[in-house]
Amino acid sequence: MLVVDDDPDIRGILGMLLSREGYEVVTAIDGAAALEHVGDKRVALVVLDLQMPRLDGDQFRRVYQERGGHAPILLVTAAEVGPNDLARLGVSAYIAKPFDVETMLETVHRLVSNR
């Protein structure tokens, strides 16, 4: 599982929560660093912030998918995202920050089990 967020607190919280659930978690500070982590590796899920420096979430998603990445993408952001934006952004689900831990974990489990 790949967690991409420029906020170290969010990265740490998500990394800890998902690790406790038994997932192997890799974190990245932005989209550029995330692309370096992904490389040829297959990930079960990408948990992705939208607004980040260097390479933002939408730019990361585009490059990731162009390179053949097929993992579902869970967008976790404070940015306003409407229902029509999900399809345009090419993501599987969206959770607004600040997020509820139970909702986050339920969404992660659902996306991973639907693969």
N, C-alpha and C. Protein backbone atom coordinates (compact mmCIF):
# COMPACT_ATOMS: atom_id res chain seq x y z
N MET A 1 0.84 -1.16 0.00
CA MET A 1 0.00 0.00 0.00
C MET A 1 0.89 1.23 0.00
N LEU A 2 0.50 2.21 -0.78
CA LEU A 2 1.30 3.44 -0.91
C LEU A 2 0.49 4.61 -0.39
N VAL A 3 1.03 5.35 0.58
CA VAL A 3 0.40 6.55 1.12
C VAL A 3 1.21 7.75 0.66
N VAL A 4 0.55 8.68 -0.05
CA VAL A 4 1.23 9.84 -0.61
C VAL A 4 0.57 11.11 -0.07
N ASP A 5 1.31 11.84 0.77
CA ASP A 5 0.78 13.07 1.36
C ASP A 5 1.97 13.92 1.82
N ASP A 6 1.89 15.22 1.57
CA ASP A 6 2.99 16.10 1.97
C ASP A 6 2.95 16.46 3.45
N ASP A 7 1.86 16.16 4.13
CA ASP A 7 1.75 16.44 5.56
C ASP A 7 2.31 15.25 6.35
N PRO A 8 3.42 15.46 7.09
CA PRO A 8 4.04 14.35 7.80
C PRO A 8 3.12 13.72 8.85
N ASP A 9 2.25 14.52 9.47
CA ASP A 9 1.33 13.97 10.46
C ASP A 9 0.33 13.01 9.81
N ILE A 10 -0.22 13.40 8.66
CA ILE A 10 -1.17 12.55 7.96
C ILE A 10 -0.48 11.27 7.49
N ARG A 11 0.72 11.41 6.92
CA ARG A 11 1.48 10.22 6.48
C ARG A 11 1.71 9.28 7.65
N GLY A 12 2.11 9.83 8.78
CA GLY A 12 2.39 9.02 9.95
C GLY A 12 1.15 8.33 10.49
N ILE A 13 0.05 9.06 10.59
CA ILE A 13 -1.20 8.48 11.10
C ILE A 13 -1.69 7.38 10.17
N LEU A 14 -1.73 7.66 8.86
CA LEU A 14 -2.20 6.65 7.91
C LEU A 14 -1.27 5.43 7.89
N GLY A 15 0.03 5.68 7.93
CA GLY A 15 0.98 4.58 7.95
C GLY A 15 0.78 3.69 9.15
N MET A 16 0.59 4.30 10.32
CA MET A 16 0.39 3.55 11.55
C MET A 16 -0.94 2.78 11.52
N LEU A 17 -2.02 3.44 11.13
CA LEU A 17 -3.34 2.80 11.08
C LEU A 17 -3.34 1.60 10.13
N LEU A 18 -2.80 1.80 8.95
CA LEU A 18 -2.82 0.74 7.94
C LEU A 18 -1.87 -0.40 8.30
N SER A 19 -0.75 -0.08 8.92
CA SER A 19 0.18 -1.12 9.37
C SER A 19 -0.48 -1.98 10.45
N ARG A 20 -1.20 -1.34 11.37
CA ARG A 20 -1.92 -2.07 12.42
C ARG A 20 -2.97 -3.02 11.84
N GLU A 21 -3.47 -2.67 10.66
CA GLU A 21 -4.47 -3.52 10.00
C GLU A 21 -3.82 -4.65 9.21
N GLY A 22 -2.48 -4.70 9.25
CA GLY A 22 -1.77 -5.79 8.59
C GLY A 22 -1.27 -5.48 7.19
N TYR A 23 -1.41 -4.25 6.75
CA TYR A 23 -0.94 -3.89 5.42
C TYR A 23 0.53 -3.48 5.46
N GLU A 24 1.25 -3.82 4.42
CA GLU A 24 2.61 -3.32 4.25
C GLU A 24 2.48 -1.94 3.63
N VAL A 25 3.03 -0.93 4.31
CA VAL A 25 2.81 0.46 3.90
C VAL A 25 4.14 1.12 3.55
N VAL A 26 4.13 1.82 2.42
CA VAL A 26 5.24 2.68 2.01
C VAL A 26 4.66 4.08 1.91
N THR A 27 5.41 5.08 2.39
CA THR A 27 4.91 6.45 2.33
C THR A 27 5.80 7.30 1.44
N ALA A 28 5.20 8.36 0.89
CA ALA A 28 5.94 9.29 0.04
C ALA A 28 5.44 10.70 0.31
N ILE A 29 6.36 11.67 0.21
CA ILE A 29 6.06 13.06 0.53
C ILE A 29 5.31 13.79 -0.58
N ASP A 30 5.41 13.30 -1.82
CA ASP A 30 4.70 13.91 -2.94
C ASP A 30 4.65 12.92 -4.10
N GLY A 31 4.03 13.34 -5.19
CA GLY A 31 3.87 12.44 -6.34
C GLY A 31 5.18 12.00 -6.96
N ALA A 32 6.16 12.88 -6.98
CA ALA A 32 7.46 12.53 -7.57
C ALA A 32 8.12 11.42 -6.75
N ALA A 33 8.13 11.57 -5.44
CA ALA A 33 8.71 10.54 -4.58
C ALA A 33 7.91 9.24 -4.68
N ALA A 34 6.60 9.35 -4.82
CA ALA A 34 5.76 8.16 -4.93
C ALA A 34 6.08 7.37 -6.19
N LEU A 35 6.33 8.06 -7.29
CA LEU A 35 6.68 7.36 -8.53
C LEU A 35 7.99 6.59 -8.38
N GLU A 36 8.92 7.13 -7.61
CA GLU A 36 10.17 6.43 -7.34
C GLU A 36 9.92 5.15 -6.54
N HIS A 37 8.98 5.22 -5.57
CA HIS A 37 8.67 4.05 -4.74
C HIS A 37 7.96 2.97 -5.53
N VAL A 38 7.09 3.38 -6.43
CA VAL A 38 6.28 2.40 -7.16
C VAL A 38 7.15 1.61 -8.12
N GLY A 39 7.86 2.29 -9.01
CA GLY A 39 8.71 1.59 -9.97
C GLY A 39 8.01 0.39 -10.57
N ASP A 40 8.60 -0.77 -10.44
CA ASP A 40 8.02 -2.00 -10.97
C ASP A 40 7.18 -2.73 -9.93
N LYS A 41 7.11 -2.19 -8.73
CA LYS A 41 6.37 -2.85 -7.65
C LYS A 41 4.87 -2.73 -7.89
N ARG A 42 4.16 -3.75 -7.46
CA ARG A 42 2.70 -3.71 -7.51
C ARG A 42 2.22 -3.33 -6.11
N VAL A 43 1.26 -2.43 -6.06
CA VAL A 43 0.69 -2.03 -4.78
C VAL A 43 -0.80 -2.37 -4.78
N ALA A 44 -1.34 -2.65 -3.59
CA ALA A 44 -2.74 -3.02 -3.46
C ALA A 44 -3.66 -1.80 -3.52
N LEU A 45 -3.15 -0.65 -3.07
CA LEU A 45 -3.95 0.57 -3.00
C LEU A 45 -3.02 1.77 -2.92
N VAL A 46 -3.45 2.87 -3.53
CA VAL A 46 -2.75 4.14 -3.39
C VAL A 46 -3.68 5.09 -2.64
N VAL A 47 -3.21 5.57 -1.48
CA VAL A 47 -3.94 6.57 -0.71
C VAL A 47 -3.25 7.89 -1.02
N LEU A 48 -3.99 8.81 -1.64
CA LEU A 48 -3.36 9.95 -2.32
C LEU A 48 -3.98 11.28 -1.93
N ASP A 49 -3.13 12.22 -1.55
CA ASP A 49 -3.54 13.61 -1.36
C ASP A 49 -3.59 14.26 -2.74
N LEU A 50 -4.34 15.33 -2.87
CA LEU A 50 -4.46 16.00 -4.16
C LEU A 50 -3.48 17.16 -4.28
N GLN A 51 -3.41 17.98 -3.26
CA GLN A 51 -2.58 19.19 -3.32
C GLN A 51 -1.25 18.96 -2.64
N MET A 52 -0.18 18.83 -3.48
CA MET A 52 1.17 18.61 -2.98
C MET A 52 2.15 19.34 -3.88
N PRO A 53 3.35 19.64 -3.35
CA PRO A 53 4.37 20.29 -4.18
C PRO A 53 4.98 19.31 -5.18
N ARG A 54 5.79 19.80 -6.06
CA ARG A 54 6.51 19.07 -7.11
C ARG A 54 5.56 18.36 -8.07
N LEU A 55 4.96 17.29 -7.67
CA LEU A 55 4.03 16.54 -8.52
C LEU A 55 2.78 16.30 -7.69
N ASP A 56 1.67 16.97 -8.05
CA ASP A 56 0.46 16.85 -7.23
C ASP A 56 -0.23 15.51 -7.46
N GLY A 57 -1.31 15.29 -6.74
CA GLY A 57 -2.00 14.01 -6.80
C GLY A 57 -2.54 13.66 -8.18
N ASP A 58 -3.12 14.64 -8.87
CA ASP A 58 -3.65 14.37 -10.21
C ASP A 58 -2.54 14.07 -11.20
N GLN A 59 -1.43 14.79 -11.11
CA GLN A 59 -0.29 14.52 -12.00
C GLN A 59 0.30 13.15 -11.71
N PHE A 60 0.43 12.79 -10.43
CA PHE A 60 0.93 11.46 -10.07
C PHE A 60 0.04 10.39 -10.67
N ARG A 61 -1.28 10.54 -10.46
CA ARG A 61 -2.23 9.54 -10.93
C ARG A 61 -2.12 9.34 -12.44
N ARG A 62 -2.01 10.43 -13.16
CA ARG A 62 -1.91 10.34 -14.62
C ARG A 62 -0.67 9.55 -15.04
N VAL A 63 0.48 9.90 -14.48
CA VAL A 63 1.73 9.22 -14.83
C VAL A 63 1.69 7.77 -14.37
N TYR A 64 1.21 7.52 -13.16
CA TYR A 64 1.11 6.17 -12.61
C TYR A 64 0.28 5.28 -13.53
N GLN A 65 -0.87 5.76 -13.94
CA GLN A 65 -1.74 4.95 -14.80
C GLN A 65 -1.17 4.81 -16.21
N GLU A 66 -0.51 5.85 -16.72
CA GLU A 66 0.13 5.75 -18.04
C GLU A 66 1.23 4.69 -18.04
N ARG A 67 1.88 4.52 -16.89
CA ARG A 67 2.94 3.52 -16.75
C ARG A 67 2.40 2.13 -16.45
N GLY A 68 1.09 1.98 -16.44
CA GLY A 68 0.49 0.67 -16.24
C GLY A 68 0.04 0.38 -14.82
N GLY A 69 0.08 1.36 -13.92
CA GLY A 69 -0.38 1.15 -12.55
C GLY A 69 -1.89 0.93 -12.52
N HIS A 70 -2.31 -0.12 -11.84
CA HIS A 70 -3.73 -0.48 -11.83
C HIS A 70 -4.35 -0.48 -10.45
N ALA A 71 -3.61 -0.15 -9.42
CA ALA A 71 -4.16 -0.19 -8.06
C ALA A 71 -5.27 0.85 -7.94
N PRO A 72 -6.30 0.53 -7.16
CA PRO A 72 -7.32 1.54 -6.90
C PRO A 72 -6.68 2.73 -6.18
N ILE A 73 -7.26 3.90 -6.40
CA ILE A 73 -6.74 5.12 -5.78
C ILE A 73 -7.82 5.71 -4.88
N LEU A 74 -7.45 5.88 -3.61
CA LEU A 74 -8.31 6.51 -2.62
C LEU A 74 -7.79 7.93 -2.43
N LEU A 75 -8.57 8.90 -2.84
CA LEU A 75 -8.19 10.30 -2.70
C LEU A 75 -8.59 10.77 -1.31
N VAL A 76 -7.62 11.26 -0.55
CA VAL A 76 -7.85 11.79 0.79
C VAL A 76 -7.32 13.21 0.79
N THR A 77 -8.24 14.19 0.76
CA THR A 77 -7.82 15.57 0.57
C THR A 77 -8.77 16.55 1.24
N ALA A 78 -8.25 17.72 1.53
CA ALA A 78 -9.06 18.81 2.06
C ALA A 78 -9.65 19.64 0.92
N ALA A 79 -9.20 19.39 -0.31
CA ALA A 79 -9.71 20.13 -1.47
C ALA A 79 -11.16 19.74 -1.74
N GLU A 80 -11.92 20.67 -2.27
CA GLU A 80 -13.30 20.40 -2.63
C GLU A 80 -13.33 19.45 -3.82
N VAL A 81 -14.03 18.33 -3.67
CA VAL A 81 -14.16 17.35 -4.74
C VAL A 81 -15.64 16.98 -4.85
N GLY A 82 -16.19 17.22 -6.02
CA GLY A 82 -17.59 16.87 -6.26
C GLY A 82 -17.72 15.51 -6.91
N PRO A 83 -18.94 14.99 -7.01
CA PRO A 83 -19.17 13.67 -7.61
C PRO A 83 -18.63 13.55 -9.04
N ASN A 84 -18.76 14.59 -9.84
CA ASN A 84 -18.26 14.55 -11.21
C ASN A 84 -16.74 14.55 -11.27
N ASP A 85 -16.11 15.07 -10.22
CA ASP A 85 -14.65 15.13 -10.19
C ASP A 85 -14.01 13.75 -10.04
N LEU A 86 -14.69 12.82 -9.37
CA LEU A 86 -14.12 11.49 -9.15
C LEU A 86 -13.79 10.80 -10.47
N ALA A 87 -14.72 10.84 -11.40
CA ALA A 87 -14.48 10.21 -12.71
C ALA A 87 -13.38 10.96 -13.46
N ARG A 88 -13.44 12.28 -13.41
CA ARG A 88 -12.43 13.09 -14.11
C ARG A 88 -11.04 12.84 -13.54
N LEU A 89 -10.97 12.67 -12.22
CA LEU A 89 -9.68 12.44 -11.56
C LEU A 89 -9.23 10.99 -11.65
N GLY A 90 -10.11 10.10 -12.07
CA GLY A 90 -9.73 8.70 -12.23
C GLY A 90 -9.43 7.99 -10.92
N VAL A 91 -10.20 8.32 -9.88
CA VAL A 91 -9.98 7.69 -8.58
C VAL A 91 -11.15 6.79 -8.23
N SER A 92 -10.90 5.83 -7.35
CA SER A 92 -11.93 4.86 -6.96
C SER A 92 -12.85 5.38 -5.87
N ALA A 93 -12.31 6.21 -4.97
CA ALA A 93 -13.10 6.72 -3.84
C ALA A 93 -12.45 8.00 -3.32
N TYR A 94 -13.22 8.71 -2.50
CA TYR A 94 -12.77 9.99 -1.95
C TYR A 94 -13.18 10.08 -0.50
N ILE A 95 -12.28 10.56 0.34
CA ILE A 95 -12.57 10.86 1.74
C ILE A 95 -12.02 12.25 2.02
N ALA A 96 -12.86 13.09 2.64
CA ALA A 96 -12.45 14.46 2.97
C ALA A 96 -11.63 14.48 4.25
N LYS A 97 -10.64 15.37 4.27
CA LYS A 97 -9.88 15.64 5.49
C LYS A 97 -10.62 16.73 6.26
N PRO A 98 -10.66 16.68 7.55
CA PRO A 98 -10.16 15.61 8.38
C PRO A 98 -11.08 14.39 8.26
N PHE A 99 -10.50 13.21 8.34
CA PHE A 99 -11.26 11.99 8.10
C PHE A 99 -11.55 11.25 9.40
N ASP A 100 -12.63 10.48 9.36
CA ASP A 100 -13.01 9.59 10.44
C ASP A 100 -12.23 8.29 10.26
N VAL A 101 -11.56 7.82 11.30
CA VAL A 101 -10.71 6.63 11.21
C VAL A 101 -11.50 5.41 10.76
N GLU A 102 -12.68 5.19 11.33
CA GLU A 102 -13.48 4.02 10.96
C GLU A 102 -13.88 4.06 9.49
N THR A 103 -14.29 5.23 9.02
CA THR A 103 -14.66 5.38 7.61
C THR A 103 -13.45 5.11 6.72
N MET A 104 -12.31 5.61 7.13
CA MET A 104 -11.08 5.40 6.36
C MET A 104 -10.78 3.91 6.24
N LEU A 105 -10.78 3.21 7.37
CA LEU A 105 -10.45 1.79 7.36
C LEU A 105 -11.47 0.96 6.59
N GLU A 106 -12.75 1.27 6.75
CA GLU A 106 -13.78 0.57 5.98
C GLU A 106 -13.58 0.76 4.48
N THR A 107 -13.27 1.98 4.07
CA THR A 107 -13.07 2.27 2.65
C THR A 107 -11.84 1.54 2.13
N VAL A 108 -10.76 1.55 2.88
CA VAL A 108 -9.54 0.84 2.48
C VAL A 108 -9.82 -0.65 2.32
N HIS A 109 -10.46 -1.25 3.32
CA HIS A 109 -10.76 -2.69 3.25
C HIS A 109 -11.63 -3.01 2.03
N ARG A 110 -12.63 -2.17 1.77
CA ARG A 110 -13.53 -2.39 0.63
C ARG A 110 -12.77 -2.31 -0.69
N LEU A 111 -11.92 -1.31 -0.83
CA LEU A 111 -11.19 -1.14 -2.09
C LEU A 111 -10.18 -2.27 -2.31
N VAL A 112 -9.51 -2.70 -1.24
CA VAL A 112 -8.53 -3.78 -1.38
C VAL A 112 -9.23 -5.12 -1.65
N SER A 113 -10.35 -5.36 -1.01
CA SER A 113 -11.03 -6.64 -1.21
C SER A 113 -11.74 -6.74 -2.55
N ASN A 114 -12.02 -5.60 -3.18
CA ASN A 114 -12.69 -5.60 -4.50
C ASN A 114 -11.72 -5.81 -5.65
N ARG A 115 -10.45 -5.96 -5.38
CA ARG A 115 -9.46 -6.10 -6.45
C ARG A 115 -9.51 -7.47 -7.05
